[in-house]
Protein backbone atom coordinates (compact mmCIF):
# COMPACT_ATOMS: atom_id res chain seq x y z
CA MET A 1 0.00 0.00 0.00
CA ALA A 2 1.21 3.47 -0.88
CA ARG A 3 2.42 5.71 1.89
CA ILE A 4 0.53 9.00 2.01
CA ARG A 5 2.51 12.01 3.19
CA TYR A 6 1.23 15.53 3.54
CA GLY A 7 2.26 17.74 0.62
CA VAL A 8 3.72 14.92 -1.47
CA PRO A 9 1.65 13.76 -4.46
CA LEU A 10 1.17 9.99 -4.60
CA TRP A 11 2.39 9.89 -8.19
CA LEU A 12 5.67 11.60 -7.25
CA ASP A 13 6.30 9.86 -3.92
CA ARG A 14 7.87 6.79 -5.52
CA VAL A 15 9.67 8.55 -8.37
CA PRO A 16 13.25 9.64 -7.67
CA THR A 17 13.78 13.39 -7.99
CA ALA A 18 16.23 12.84 -10.85
CA ARG A 19 13.53 11.05 -12.89
CA ARG A 20 10.80 13.68 -12.45
CA PRO A 21 10.06 15.56 -15.66
CA SER A 22 11.29 19.09 -16.04
CA TYR A 23 10.22 21.66 -18.58
CA PRO A 24 12.15 24.55 -20.13
CA ARG A 25 11.92 28.01 -18.63
CA TYR A 26 10.07 30.57 -20.69
CA LYS A 27 12.49 32.92 -22.43
CA GLY A 28 11.69 35.60 -24.95
CA ASP A 29 8.72 35.90 -27.25
CA SER A 30 6.58 33.16 -28.71
CA GLU A 31 3.52 32.83 -30.92
CA THR A 32 0.56 31.33 -29.06
CA ASP A 33 -3.20 31.49 -29.09
CA VAL A 34 -3.81 30.90 -25.37
CA VAL A 35 -1.68 31.45 -22.28
CA ILE A 36 -2.61 29.55 -19.12
CA VAL A 37 -1.09 30.71 -15.87
CA GLY A 38 -0.77 27.93 -13.30
CA GLY A 39 0.24 24.31 -13.80
CA GLY A 40 -2.09 22.81 -11.23
CA LEU A 41 -4.87 20.39 -12.05
CA ALA A 42 -7.15 22.98 -13.68
CA GLY A 43 -4.32 24.59 -15.66
CA CYS A 44 -3.00 21.27 -16.94
CA LEU A 45 -6.47 20.07 -17.93
CA ALA A 46 -7.19 23.36 -19.70
CA ALA A 47 -3.88 23.21 -21.58
CA TYR A 48 -4.50 19.60 -22.56
CA THR A 49 -8.00 20.37 -23.80
CA PHE A 50 -6.88 23.36 -25.86
CA ARG A 51 -3.98 21.41 -27.36
CA LYS A 52 -6.22 18.47 -28.31
CA ALA A 53 -8.43 20.99 -30.13
CA GLY A 54 -5.45 22.19 -32.16
CA VAL A 55 -4.99 25.47 -30.31
CA ARG A 56 -1.43 26.71 -29.71
CA VAL A 57 -1.15 26.93 -25.94
CA THR A 58 1.53 28.06 -23.50
CA LEU A 59 1.35 26.89 -19.87
CA LEU A 60 3.24 29.04 -17.36
CA GLU A 61 4.04 27.75 -13.87
CA ALA A 62 6.23 29.51 -11.29
CA ASP A 63 7.43 26.30 -9.62
CA ARG A 64 6.95 22.73 -10.87
CA VAL A 65 4.04 21.56 -13.00
CA GLY A 66 1.72 19.23 -11.11
CA GLN A 67 2.96 20.03 -7.64
CA GLY A 68 0.54 22.79 -6.60
CA SER A 69 -3.18 22.15 -6.49
CA ALA A 70 -2.53 19.06 -8.62
CA ALA A 71 -0.60 17.58 -5.70
CA SER A 72 -3.84 16.65 -3.97
CA LEU A 73 -4.95 13.03 -3.73
CA GLY A 74 -6.90 13.51 -6.95
CA TRP A 75 -10.29 12.88 -5.38
CA MET A 76 -13.14 14.26 -7.47
CA PRO A 77 -16.40 13.93 -5.58
CA GLU A 78 -19.51 13.22 -7.63
CA HIS A 79 -21.56 15.63 -5.53
CA PRO A 80 -21.41 19.40 -5.08
CA GLY A 81 -20.07 19.24 -1.51
CA VAL A 82 -23.33 20.47 -0.01
CA PRO A 83 -26.05 18.16 1.33
CA PHE A 84 -28.91 17.70 -1.12
CA ARG A 85 -31.42 18.88 1.47
CA ALA A 86 -29.53 22.18 1.87
CA LEU A 87 -29.58 22.69 -1.91
CA GLN A 88 -33.29 21.91 -1.99
CA GLU A 89 -34.06 24.37 0.79
CA ALA A 90 -32.01 27.10 -0.86
CA HIS A 91 -33.00 26.60 -4.51
CA GLY A 92 -36.01 24.27 -4.68
CA LEU A 93 -36.28 20.63 -5.67
CA ARG A 94 -35.94 21.04 -9.45
CA ALA A 95 -32.83 23.26 -9.24
CA ALA A 96 -31.28 21.02 -6.55
CA ARG A 97 -31.63 17.99 -8.84
CA LYS A 98 -30.03 19.89 -11.73
CA ILE A 99 -27.13 21.05 -9.55
CA TRP A 100 -26.59 17.52 -8.22
CA GLU A 101 -26.72 15.94 -11.69
CA ALA A 102 -24.42 18.57 -13.24
CA SER A 103 -21.87 18.07 -10.46
CA ARG A 104 -21.91 14.30 -10.94
CA ARG A 105 -21.67 14.59 -14.73
CA SER A 106 -18.72 17.01 -14.53
CA ALA A 107 -16.81 14.70 -12.14
CA LEU A 108 -17.38 11.73 -14.44
CA ASP A 109 -16.36 13.74 -17.52
CA ALA A 110 -13.18 14.96 -15.81
CA SER A 111 -12.32 11.42 -14.73
CA ALA A 112 -12.88 10.11 -18.25
CA LEU A 113 -10.63 12.86 -19.67
CA LEU A 114 -7.84 12.02 -17.26
């Protein structure tokens, strides 16, 4: 079983530092269609999606790609993080169902993409 340590991504815990990928520093000008600032989970997914669509994309990260917000355990809950009853009381039954279903669908879509 993998050892879980605070602040250390599971996928990097067993990889020696010398084998971790590194990327070139940004220097000078470049032609690009989209610039994404931040190489966490959202930034990496956005860059991947743009690139798959044929868009020229530049991803900028101050430290190391995948070691910020992407260093979490990778858990994507299939619910909005609020009890269904609270959503229903705040927005009504129909809207609560739509919120719940949209949250589940987005988690499943993100998982399928990864």
